[in-house]
Amino acid sequence: MNFQDFFRKMKHDPSDPDPWLALYLDRSLPIDDKAKAALLKSQRSFTRRVVMPIVRPFARLSISGIKLMKILAPASWQSPWLLHRSIYWGLRLFVTPEANYLILRHFTIGTEILRFIEDNVPGIDIETTTPLRTRRLEDLLDNTFTVHDLTFYNFIIELNEKLRAAGREIEPRSEIDYSAITDDDASVDDLPNTWLNVVDLQTAIEIYTPLYALFLSDHHFWRASNSLQLDEIIALYVGKILNDPLPVALVHNHHPMVPRSTLEAGFRLTLHGLDSETLHGHLKKLKAGAKSAAARGSAAP
């Protein structure tokens, strides 16, 4: 399954240019070509254009209703088990291959970005995080979504506790370790692709967000929603290591000291995916450049 072929086969009509083809060909953001094609194909779909604008207000109304219900009946019931199985079966039965590919890929690149930061802060070993490498939909059943959120919070807390204890800050590195950044990817061929698999990425996210509110406690849902705004913190860490402000400019979920409403969680989750892709793509590009420079240096007389 080659998502790039969808755009490679498109013919450009100057009198009616396709906006998604323009974005696919544009290289202003350093995103992996396969991931970009998958995202844009999903964004171009009928469900994204027609169904998602109808689903979104109902999804946000559902979140409000669930939150009100939990205020009136503040029981601490929650079930991550049901949450993840609901998501799994929804993805398997109704969501497009390109959307499923991006979801699976997301956890791996998040793991690699955190590892990159750890590798470039000497003397700091992070012990409270859980590396996630998801290649098949079944890998999501181990509470992957909630573990992903916890991992980012735990990483930030442990990293900064240890830096504070040592009286240190994240500092620029003269030699960057890019070993954490790889081409590891999800298995595309195993993804379901039946006549029912028509729901795009953004519509699926809008539908699943109320399930988060329902199956998690209000505290845990709020924490998961706010984890999306950790993107800027992670980008700041990367920028300090690289001594470059560009990583911060690549992210769109801004600092969580002023949290956004949980009603916007679906949209911000989509932005979180884009932020992760651009940051990871930027690091891949830098790694390739460093490798080329090293090769030229070794070949020089």
C-alpha atoms as a PDB file:
ATOM      1  CA  MET A   1       0.000   0.000   0.000  1.00  0.00           C
ATOM      2  CA  ASN A   2       1.720   3.153  -1.229  1.00  0.00           C
ATOM      3  CA  PHE A   3       0.068   6.393  -0.152  1.00  0.00           C
ATOM      4  CA  GLN A   4       2.429   8.511  -2.268  1.00  0.00           C
ATOM      5  CA  ASP A   5       1.149   6.911  -5.474  1.00  0.00           C
ATOM      6  CA  PHE A   6      -2.236   8.538  -4.887  1.00  0.00           C
ATOM      7  CA  PHE A   7      -0.662  11.964  -5.391  1.00  0.00           C
ATOM      8  CA  ARG A   8       1.979  10.935  -7.909  1.00  0.00           C
ATOM      9  CA  LYS A   9      -0.760   9.821 -10.293  1.00  0.00           C
ATOM     10  CA  MET A  10      -2.730  13.056  -9.982  1.00  0.00           C
ATOM     11  CA  LYS A  11      -2.587  15.390 -12.961  1.00  0.00           C
ATOM     12  CA  HIS A  12      -2.289  19.098 -12.336  1.00  0.00           C
ATOM     13  CA  ASP A  13      -4.994  21.246 -13.917  1.00  0.00           C
ATOM     14  CA  PRO A  14      -3.897  24.918 -13.788  1.00  0.00           C
ATOM     15  CA  SER A  15      -7.518  26.023 -14.144  1.00  0.00           C
ATOM     16  CA  ASP A  16      -8.574  23.917 -11.146  1.00  0.00           C
ATOM     17  CA  PRO A  17      -5.528  23.142  -8.970  1.00  0.00           C
ATOM     18  CA  ASP A  18      -5.969  20.548  -6.258  1.00  0.00           C
ATOM     19  CA  PRO A  19      -5.090  22.132  -2.870  1.00  0.00           C
ATOM     20  CA  TRP A  20      -4.002  18.791  -1.414  1.00  0.00           C
ATOM     21  CA  LEU A  21      -1.643  18.126  -4.309  1.00  0.00           C
ATOM     22  CA  ALA A  22      -0.109  21.541  -3.662  1.00  0.00           C
ATOM     23  CA  LEU A  23       0.455  20.638  -0.012  1.00  0.00           C
ATOM     24  CA  TYR A  24       1.876  17.238  -0.925  1.00  0.00           C
ATOM     25  CA  LEU A  25       4.418  18.762  -3.309  1.00  0.00           C
ATOM     26  CA  ASP A  26       5.278  21.594  -0.909  1.00  0.00           C
ATOM     27  CA  ARG A  27       8.312  20.935   1.287  1.00  0.00           C
ATOM     28  CA  SER A  28       8.076  23.801   3.756  1.00  0.00           C
ATOM     29  CA  LEU A  29       7.475  21.358   6.634  1.00  0.00           C
ATOM     30  CA  PRO A  30      10.008  18.555   7.194  1.00  0.00           C
ATOM     31  CA  ILE A  31       7.538  15.668   7.220  1.00  0.00           C
ATOM     32  CA  ASP A  32       8.243  12.122   6.087  1.00  0.00           C
ATOM     33  CA  ASP A  33       6.831  11.755   2.554  1.00  0.00           C
ATOM     34  CA  LYS A  34       4.854   8.622   3.319  1.00  0.00           C
ATOM     35  CA  ALA A  35       3.322  10.113   6.457  1.00  0.00           C
ATOM     36  CA  LYS A  36       2.527  13.346   4.634  1.00  0.00           C
ATOM     37  CA  ALA A  37       0.796  11.482   1.816  1.00  0.00           C
ATOM     38  CA  ALA A  38      -1.225   9.460   4.322  1.00  0.00           C
ATOM     39  CA  LEU A  39      -2.278  12.586   6.210  1.00  0.00           C
ATOM     40  CA  LEU A  40      -3.232  14.561   3.112  1.00  0.00           C
ATOM     41  CA  LYS A  41      -5.113  11.657   1.561  1.00  0.00           C
ATOM     42  CA  SER A  42      -7.081  11.393   4.786  1.00  0.00           C
ATOM     43  CA  GLN A  43      -7.723  15.146   4.870  1.00  0.00           C
ATOM     44  CA  ARG A  44      -8.881  15.080   1.250  1.00  0.00           C
ATOM     45  CA  SER A  45     -11.522  12.413   1.887  1.00  0.00           C
ATOM     46  CA  PHE A  46     -15.303  12.757   1.710  1.00  0.00           C
ATOM     47  CA  THR A  47     -15.770  12.038   5.408  1.00  0.00           C
ATOM     48  CA  ARG A  48     -13.300  14.770   6.368  1.00  0.00           C
ATOM     49  CA  ARG A  49     -15.034  17.330   4.162  1.00  0.00           C
ATOM     50  CA  VAL A  50     -18.660  16.378   4.820  1.00  0.00           C
ATOM     51  CA  VAL A  51     -19.002  14.159   7.889  1.00  0.00           C
ATOM     52  CA  MET A  52     -16.454  15.732  10.241  1.00  0.00           C
ATOM     53  CA  PRO A  53     -18.076  19.213  10.371  1.00  0.00           C
ATOM     54  CA  ILE A  54     -21.338  17.493  11.350  1.00  0.00           C
ATOM     55  CA  VAL A  55     -19.717  15.166  13.886  1.00  0.00           C
ATOM     56  CA  ARG A  56     -17.614  17.818  15.653  1.00  0.00           C
ATOM     57  CA  PRO A  57     -20.406  19.846  17.330  1.00  0.00           C
ATOM     58  CA  PHE A  58     -22.125  16.661  18.497  1.00  0.00           C
ATOM     59  CA  ALA A  59     -18.827  15.338  19.845  1.00  0.00           C
ATOM     60  CA  ARG A  60     -18.224  18.537  21.801  1.00  0.00           C
ATOM     61  CA  LEU A  61     -21.796  18.512  23.084  1.00  0.00           C
ATOM     62  CA  SER A  62     -21.242  14.918  24.217  1.00  0.00           C
ATOM     63  CA  ILE A  63     -18.108  15.920  26.123  1.00  0.00           C
ATOM     64  CA  SER A  64     -20.043  18.691  27.866  1.00  0.00           C
ATOM     65  CA  GLY A  65     -22.840  16.278  28.762  1.00  0.00           C
ATOM     66  CA  ILE A  66     -20.433  13.678  30.104  1.00  0.00           C
ATOM     67  CA  LYS A  67     -18.581  16.264  32.192  1.00  0.00           C
ATOM     68  CA  LEU A  68     -21.881  17.540  33.606  1.00  0.00           C
ATOM     69  CA  MET A  69     -22.919  13.987  34.425  1.00  0.00           C
ATOM     70  CA  LYS A  70     -19.650  13.412  36.267  1.00  0.00           C
ATOM     71  CA  ILE A  71     -20.106  16.625  38.242  1.00  0.00           C
ATOM     72  CA  LEU A  72     -23.604  15.599  39.321  1.00  0.00           C
ATOM     73  CA  ALA A  73     -22.579  12.007  40.001  1.00  0.00           C
ATOM     74  CA  PRO A  74     -18.866  12.251  40.824  1.00  0.00           C
ATOM     75  CA  ALA A  75     -18.136   8.546  41.011  1.00  0.00           C
ATOM     76  CA  SER A  76     -14.541   7.603  40.261  1.00  0.00           C
ATOM     77  CA  TRP A  77     -15.486   4.836  37.804  1.00  0.00           C
ATOM     78  CA  GLN A  78     -13.273   4.518  34.773  1.00  0.00           C
ATOM     79  CA  SER A  79     -12.262   1.791  32.376  1.00  0.00           C
ATOM     80  CA  PRO A  80      -9.150   2.209  30.225  1.00  0.00           C
ATOM     81  CA  TRP A  81      -9.754  -1.415  29.195  1.00  0.00           C
ATOM     82  CA  LEU A  82     -13.087  -0.524  27.583  1.00  0.00           C
ATOM     83  CA  LEU A  83     -11.633   2.663  26.118  1.00  0.00           C
ATOM     84  CA  HIS A  84      -8.858   0.878  24.296  1.00  0.00           C
ATOM     85  CA  ARG A  85     -11.058  -1.932  23.041  1.00  0.00           C
ATOM     86  CA  SER A  86     -13.615   0.544  21.764  1.00  0.00           C
ATOM     87  CA  ILE A  87     -10.876   2.402  19.926  1.00  0.00           C
ATOM     88  CA  TYR A  88      -9.317  -0.799  18.609  1.00  0.00           C
ATOM     89  CA  TRP A  89     -12.533  -2.185  17.138  1.00  0.00           C
ATOM     90  CA  GLY A  90     -13.510   1.179  15.719  1.00  0.00           C
ATOM     91  CA  LEU A  91     -10.155   1.511  13.992  1.00  0.00           C
ATOM     92  CA  ARG A  92     -10.254  -2.040  12.693  1.00  0.00           C
ATOM     93  CA  LEU A  93     -13.803  -1.889  11.360  1.00  0.00           C
ATOM     94  CA  PHE A  94     -14.320   1.670  10.150  1.00  0.00           C
ATOM     95  CA  VAL A  95     -11.131   3.730   9.834  1.00  0.00           C
ATOM     96  CA  THR A  96      -9.075   4.063   6.655  1.00  0.00           C
ATOM     97  CA  PRO A  97      -5.644   2.437   6.283  1.00  0.00           C
ATOM     98  CA  GLU A  98      -3.907   5.813   6.024  1.00  0.00           C
ATOM     99  CA  ALA A  99      -5.465   7.017   9.277  1.00  0.00           C
ATOM    100  CA  ASN A 100      -4.601   3.776  11.071  1.00  0.00           C
ATOM    101  CA  TYR A 101      -1.053   4.003   9.746  1.00  0.00           C
ATOM    102  CA  LEU A 102      -0.615   7.500  11.164  1.00  0.00           C
ATOM    103  CA  ILE A 103      -2.031   6.483  14.545  1.00  0.00           C
ATOM    104  CA  LEU A 104       0.298   3.491  14.835  1.00  0.00           C
ATOM    105  CA  ARG A 105       3.281   5.505  13.667  1.00  0.00           C
ATOM    106  CA  HIS A 106       2.619   8.260  16.196  1.00  0.00           C
ATOM    107  CA  PHE A 107       3.636   6.282  19.275  1.00  0.00           C
ATOM    108  CA  THR A 108       6.921   5.157  17.757  1.00  0.00           C
ATOM    109  CA  ILE A 109       8.046   8.635  16.740  1.00  0.00           C
ATOM    110  CA  GLY A 110       7.035  10.003  20.146  1.00  0.00           C
ATOM    111  CA  THR A 111       9.233   7.390  21.797  1.00  0.00           C
ATOM    112  CA  GLU A 112      12.135   8.300  19.523  1.00  0.00           C
ATOM    113  CA  ILE A 113      11.860  12.039  20.201  1.00  0.00           C
ATOM    114  CA  LEU A 114      11.963  11.484  23.968  1.00  0.00           C
ATOM    115  CA  ARG A 115      14.903   9.124  23.590  1.00  0.00           C
ATOM    116  CA  PHE A 116      16.721  11.718  21.483  1.00  0.00           C
ATOM    117  CA  ILE A 117      16.383  14.245  24.299  1.00  0.00           C
ATOM    118  CA  GLU A 118      17.566  11.750  26.912  1.00  0.00           C
ATOM    119  CA  ASP A 119      20.554  10.721  24.790  1.00  0.00           C
ATOM    120  CA  ASN A 120      21.643  14.342  24.493  1.00  0.00           C
ATOM    121  CA  VAL A 121      21.424  15.242  28.171  1.00  0.00           C
ATOM    122  CA  PRO A 122      24.561  13.538  29.529  1.00  0.00           C
ATOM    123  CA  GLY A 123      24.379  11.797  32.872  1.00  0.00           C
ATOM    124  CA  ILE A 124      20.581  11.588  32.951  1.00  0.00           C
ATOM    125  CA  ASP A 125      18.825   8.223  32.733  1.00  0.00           C
ATOM    126  CA  ILE A 126      15.027   8.275  32.593  1.00  0.00           C
ATOM    127  CA  GLU A 127      13.469   5.275  34.329  1.00  0.00           C
ATOM    128  CA  THR A 128       9.745   6.074  34.597  1.00  0.00           C
ATOM    129  CA  THR A 129       8.791   6.064  30.917  1.00  0.00           C
ATOM    130  CA  THR A 130       7.467   3.246  28.749  1.00  0.00           C
ATOM    131  CA  PRO A 131       8.871   3.039  25.201  1.00  0.00           C
ATOM    132  CA  LEU A 132       6.108   2.340  22.690  1.00  0.00           C
ATOM    133  CA  ARG A 133       6.645   0.845  19.250  1.00  0.00           C
ATOM    134  CA  THR A 134       3.302   0.063  17.663  1.00  0.00           C
ATOM    135  CA  ARG A 135       3.292  -1.780  14.352  1.00  0.00           C
ATOM    136  CA  ARG A 136      -0.122  -3.477  14.364  1.00  0.00           C
ATOM    137  CA  LEU A 137      -3.526  -2.419  15.650  1.00  0.00           C
ATOM    138  CA  GLU A 138      -3.356  -5.159  18.275  1.00  0.00           C
ATOM    139  CA  ASP A 139      -0.448  -3.294  19.862  1.00  0.00           C
ATOM    140  CA  LEU A 140      -2.914  -0.599  20.931  1.00  0.00           C
ATOM    141  CA  LEU A 141      -4.762  -2.930  23.307  1.00  0.00           C
ATOM    142  CA  ASP A 142      -2.171  -2.589  26.093  1.00  0.00           C
ATOM    143  CA  ASN A 143      -3.570   0.786  27.215  1.00  0.00           C
ATOM    144  CA  THR A 144      -1.262   2.393  24.677  1.00  0.00           C
ATOM    145  CA  PHE A 145      -3.066   5.731  24.462  1.00  0.00           C
ATOM    146  CA  THR A 146      -3.087   6.377  28.202  1.00  0.00           C
ATOM    147  CA  VAL A 147       0.456   5.033  28.636  1.00  0.00           C
ATOM    148  CA  HIS A 148       1.584   7.466  25.932  1.00  0.00           C
ATOM    149  CA  ASP A 149       0.178  10.413  27.901  1.00  0.00           C
ATOM    150  CA  LEU A 150       1.710   9.229  31.175  1.00  0.00           C
ATOM    151  CA  THR A 151       5.077   8.713  29.516  1.00  0.00           C
ATOM    152  CA  PHE A 152       5.357  12.355  28.483  1.00  0.00           C
ATOM    153  CA  TYR A 153       4.429  13.649  31.933  1.00  0.00           C
ATOM    154  CA  ASN A 154       6.770  11.195  33.659  1.00  0.00           C
ATOM    155  CA  PHE A 155       9.584  12.095  31.286  1.00  0.00           C
ATOM    156  CA  ILE A 156       9.266  15.820  31.987  1.00  0.00           C
ATOM    157  CA  ILE A 157       8.998  15.314  35.753  1.00  0.00           C
ATOM    158  CA  GLU A 158      11.910  12.892  36.088  1.00  0.00           C
ATOM    159  CA  LEU A 159      14.171  14.784  33.692  1.00  0.00           C
ATOM    160  CA  ASN A 160      13.686  18.070  35.497  1.00  0.00           C
ATOM    161  CA  GLU A 161      13.899  16.577  38.984  1.00  0.00           C
ATOM    162  CA  LYS A 162      17.296  15.137  38.114  1.00  0.00           C
ATOM    163  CA  LEU A 163      18.488  18.306  36.396  1.00  0.00           C
ATOM    164  CA  ARG A 164      17.413  20.431  39.371  1.00  0.00           C
ATOM    165  CA  ALA A 165      19.096  18.063  41.822  1.00  0.00           C
ATOM    166  CA  ALA A 166      22.334  18.394  39.861  1.00  0.00           C
ATOM    167  CA  GLY A 167      21.981  22.161  39.433  1.00  0.00           C
ATOM    168  CA  ARG A 168      21.964  21.745  35.673  1.00  0.00           C
ATOM    169  CA  GLU A 169      20.027  22.866  32.603  1.00  0.00           C
ATOM    170  CA  ILE A 170      19.578  21.355  29.158  1.00  0.00           C
ATOM    171  CA  GLU A 171      22.476  22.771  27.163  1.00  0.00           C
ATOM    172  CA  PRO A 172      23.499  22.869  23.498  1.00  0.00           C
ATOM    173  CA  ARG A 173      25.540  19.900  22.339  1.00  0.00           C
ATOM    174  CA  SER A 174      28.554  20.214  20.092  1.00  0.00           C
ATOM    175  CA  GLU A 175      28.090  16.617  18.943  1.00  0.00           C
ATOM    176  CA  ILE A 176      24.488  15.524  18.582  1.00  0.00           C
ATOM    177  CA  ASP A 177      23.513  11.884  19.116  1.00  0.00           C
ATOM    178  CA  TYR A 178      20.852  11.042  16.515  1.00  0.00           C
ATOM    179  CA  SER A 179      20.850   7.290  17.120  1.00  0.00           C
ATOM    180  CA  ALA A 180      17.315   7.370  18.575  1.00  0.00           C
ATOM    181  CA  ILE A 181      15.853   8.716  15.324  1.00  0.00           C
ATOM    182  CA  THR A 182      15.138   5.818  12.973  1.00  0.00           C
ATOM    183  CA  ASP A 183      12.995   4.736  10.024  1.00  0.00           C
ATOM    184  CA  ASP A 184      11.090   2.233  12.171  1.00  0.00           C
ATOM    185  CA  ASP A 185       7.521   2.176  10.911  1.00  0.00           C
ATOM    186  CA  ALA A 186       4.125   0.526  11.199  1.00  0.00           C
ATOM    187  CA  SER A 187       3.179  -2.415   9.004  1.00  0.00           C
ATOM    188  CA  VAL A 188       0.925  -0.967   6.311  1.00  0.00           C
ATOM    189  CA  ASP A 189       0.080  -4.253   4.606  1.00  0.00           C
ATOM    190  CA  ASP A 190      -1.620  -5.644   7.725  1.00  0.00           C
ATOM    191  CA  LEU A 191      -4.090  -2.771   8.020  1.00  0.00           C
ATOM    192  CA  PRO A 192      -7.754  -3.544   7.269  1.00  0.00           C
ATOM    193  CA  ASN A 193      -9.000  -2.123   3.986  1.00  0.00           C
ATOM    194  CA  THR A 194     -12.613  -3.165   3.438  1.00  0.00           C
ATOM    195  CA  TRP A 195     -15.582  -1.226   2.079  1.00  0.00           C
ATOM    196  CA  LEU A 196     -16.358  -0.201   5.667  1.00  0.00           C
ATOM    197  CA  ASN A 197     -12.953   1.392   6.286  1.00  0.00           C
ATOM    198  CA  VAL A 198     -13.891   4.884   5.139  1.00  0.00           C
ATOM    199  CA  VAL A 199     -13.576   7.141   8.205  1.00  0.00           C
ATOM    200  CA  ASP A 200     -10.707   9.626   7.992  1.00  0.00           C
ATOM    201  CA  LEU A 201      -8.243  10.469  10.742  1.00  0.00           C
ATOM    202  CA  GLN A 202      -9.739  13.735  11.968  1.00  0.00           C
ATOM    203  CA  THR A 203     -13.315  12.446  12.032  1.00  0.00           C
ATOM    204  CA  ALA A 204     -12.190   9.365  13.944  1.00  0.00           C
ATOM    205  CA  ILE A 205     -10.396  11.544  16.487  1.00  0.00           C
ATOM    206  CA  GLU A 206     -13.483  13.709  16.987  1.00  0.00           C
ATOM    207  CA  ILE A 207     -15.583  10.582  17.563  1.00  0.00           C
ATOM    208  CA  TYR A 208     -13.113   9.002  19.974  1.00  0.00           C
ATOM    209  CA  THR A 209     -12.559  12.081  22.133  1.00  0.00           C
ATOM    210  CA  PRO A 210     -15.938  11.755  23.928  1.00  0.00           C
ATOM    211  CA  LEU A 211     -15.020   8.132  24.656  1.00  0.00           C
ATOM    212  CA  TYR A 212     -11.994   9.439  26.531  1.00  0.00           C
ATOM    213  CA  ALA A 213     -14.305  11.645  28.584  1.00  0.00           C
ATOM    214  CA  LEU A 214     -16.659   8.724  29.223  1.00  0.00           C
ATOM    215  CA  PHE A 215     -14.220   5.931  30.041  1.00  0.00           C
ATOM    216  CA  LEU A 216     -11.669   8.002  31.990  1.00  0.00           C
ATOM    217  CA  SER A 217     -12.214   9.933  35.189  1.00  0.00           C
ATOM    218  CA  ASP A 218     -12.608  13.679  34.793  1.00  0.00           C
ATOM    219  CA  HIS A 219      -9.122  14.167  36.258  1.00  0.00           C
ATOM    220  CA  HIS A 220      -7.541  11.688  33.861  1.00  0.00           C
ATOM    221  CA  PHE A 221      -9.396  13.104  30.860  1.00  0.00           C
ATOM    222  CA  TRP A 222      -8.255  16.619  31.733  1.00  0.00           C
ATOM    223  CA  ARG A 223      -4.674  15.388  32.117  1.00  0.00           C
ATOM    224  CA  ALA A 224      -4.790  13.544  28.793  1.00  0.00           C
ATOM    225  CA  SER A 225      -6.224  16.600  27.059  1.00  0.00           C
ATOM    226  CA  ASN A 226      -3.562  18.892  28.484  1.00  0.00           C
ATOM    227  CA  SER A 227      -0.783  16.495  27.525  1.00  0.00           C
ATOM    228  CA  LEU A 228      -1.337  17.663  23.951  1.00  0.00           C
ATOM    229  CA  GLN A 229       0.070  21.061  24.885  1.00  0.00           C
ATOM    230  CA  LEU A 230       3.317  19.471  26.056  1.00  0.00           C
ATOM    231  CA  ASP A 231       4.432  19.670  22.418  1.00  0.00           C
ATOM    232  CA  GLU A 232       5.960  23.098  22.933  1.00  0.00           C
ATOM    233  CA  ILE A 233       7.890  21.944  26.009  1.00  0.00           C
ATOM    234  CA  ILE A 234       9.365  19.012  24.091  1.00  0.00           C
ATOM    235  CA  ALA A 235      10.224  21.300  21.172  1.00  0.00           C
ATOM    236  CA  LEU A 236      11.948  23.714  23.566  1.00  0.00           C
ATOM    237  CA  TYR A 237      14.098  20.868  24.892  1.00  0.00           C
ATOM    238  CA  VAL A 238      15.049  19.839  21.360  1.00  0.00           C
ATOM    239  CA  GLY A 239      15.758  23.455  20.439  1.00  0.00           C
ATOM    240  CA  LYS A 240      18.080  23.865  23.425  1.00  0.00           C
ATOM    241  CA  ILE A 241      20.019  20.741  22.484  1.00  0.00           C
ATOM    242  CA  LEU A 242      20.352  21.865  18.867  1.00  0.00           C
ATOM    243  CA  ASN A 243      20.863  25.527  19.837  1.00  0.00           C
ATOM    244  CA  ASP A 244      18.209  26.315  17.256  1.00  0.00           C
ATOM    245  CA  PRO A 245      14.790  27.997  17.712  1.00  0.00           C
ATOM    246  CA  LEU A 246      13.260  26.275  14.671  1.00  0.00           C
ATOM    247  CA  PRO A 247      11.831  23.248  16.552  1.00  0.00           C
ATOM    248  CA  VAL A 248       9.600  25.567  18.586  1.00  0.00           C
ATOM    249  CA  ALA A 249       8.314  27.201  15.405  1.00  0.00           C
ATOM    250  CA  LEU A 250       7.337  23.780  14.059  1.00  0.00           C
ATOM    251  CA  VAL A 251       4.774  23.040  16.795  1.00  0.00           C
ATOM    252  CA  HIS A 252       1.262  24.458  17.098  1.00  0.00           C
ATOM    253  CA  ASN A 253       0.098  23.176  20.491  1.00  0.00           C
ATOM    254  CA  HIS A 254       1.452  25.865  22.767  1.00  0.00           C
ATOM    255  CA  HIS A 255       2.539  25.783  26.395  1.00  0.00           C
ATOM    256  CA  PRO A 256       0.046  24.179  28.837  1.00  0.00           C
ATOM    257  CA  MET A 257       0.522  26.761  31.580  1.00  0.00           C
ATOM    258  CA  VAL A 258      -2.557  28.327  30.000  1.00  0.00           C
ATOM    259  CA  PRO A 259      -4.604  25.199  29.202  1.00  0.00           C
ATOM    260  CA  ARG A 260      -7.142  25.152  26.410  1.00  0.00           C
ATOM    261  CA  SER A 261     -10.661  23.830  26.869  1.00  0.00           C
ATOM    262  CA  THR A 262     -11.103  20.069  26.799  1.00  0.00           C
ATOM    263  CA  LEU A 263     -13.805  20.689  24.175  1.00  0.00           C
ATOM    264  CA  GLU A 264     -10.974  21.402  21.732  1.00  0.00           C
ATOM    265  CA  ALA A 265      -9.163  18.155  22.516  1.00  0.00           C
ATOM    266  CA  GLY A 266     -10.065  16.511  19.204  1.00  0.00           C
ATOM    267  CA  PHE A 267      -8.628  19.318  17.097  1.00  0.00           C
ATOM    268  CA  ARG A 268      -5.573  19.657  19.333  1.00  0.00           C
ATOM    269  CA  LEU A 269      -4.966  15.916  19.090  1.00  0.00           C
ATOM    270  CA  THR A 270      -4.778  16.264  15.317  1.00  0.00           C
ATOM    271  CA  LEU A 271      -2.319  19.140  15.759  1.00  0.00           C
ATOM    272  CA  HIS A 272      -0.345  16.989  18.199  1.00  0.00           C
ATOM    273  CA  GLY A 273       0.086  14.389  15.482  1.00  0.00           C
ATOM    274  CA  LEU A 274       1.272  17.033  13.033  1.00  0.00           C
ATOM    275  CA  ASP A 275       3.640  18.529  15.626  1.00  0.00           C
ATOM    276  CA  SER A 276       5.182  15.129  16.296  1.00  0.00           C
ATOM    277  CA  GLU A 277       5.624  14.400  12.598  1.00  0.00           C
ATOM    278  CA  THR A 278       7.293  17.736  11.850  1.00  0.00           C
ATOM    279  CA  LEU A 279       9.612  17.533  14.857  1.00  0.00           C
ATOM    280  CA  HIS A 280      10.606  13.952  14.066  1.00  0.00           C
ATOM    281  CA  GLY A 281      11.007  14.813  10.387  1.00  0.00           C
ATOM    282  CA  HIS A 282      13.252  17.740  11.283  1.00  0.00           C
ATOM    283  CA  LEU A 283      15.474  15.480  13.370  1.00  0.00           C
ATOM    284  CA  LYS A 284      15.609  12.900  10.566  1.00  0.00           C
ATOM    285  CA  LYS A 285      16.677  15.613   8.161  1.00  0.00           C
ATOM    286  CA  LEU A 286      19.396  16.798  10.533  1.00  0.00           C
ATOM    287  CA  LYS A 287      20.568  13.226  11.060  1.00  0.00           C
ATOM    288  CA  ALA A 288      20.849  12.687   7.312  1.00  0.00           C
ATOM    289  CA  GLY A 289      22.769  15.948   6.974  1.00  0.00           C
ATOM    290  CA  ALA A 290      25.166  14.993   9.755  1.00  0.00           C
ATOM    291  CA  LYS A 291      25.710  11.589   8.162  1.00  0.00           C
ATOM    292  CA  SER A 292      26.452  13.166   4.776  1.00  0.00           C
ATOM    293  CA  ALA A 293      28.857  15.654   6.345  1.00  0.00           C
ATOM    294  CA  ALA A 294      30.665  12.845   8.151  1.00  0.00           C
ATOM    295  CA  ALA A 295      30.933  10.870   4.908  1.00  0.00           C
ATOM    296  CA  ARG A 296      32.375  13.861   3.073  1.00  0.00           C
ATOM    297  CA  GLY A 297      34.829  14.427   5.903  1.00  0.00           C
ATOM    298  CA  SER A 298      36.054  10.843   5.849  1.00  0.00           C
ATOM    299  CA  ALA A 299      36.416  10.937   2.063  1.00  0.00           C
ATOM    300  CA  ALA A 300      38.462  14.131   2.097  1.00  0.00           C
ATOM    301  CA  PRO A 301      42.231  13.655   1.560  1.00  0.00           C
END
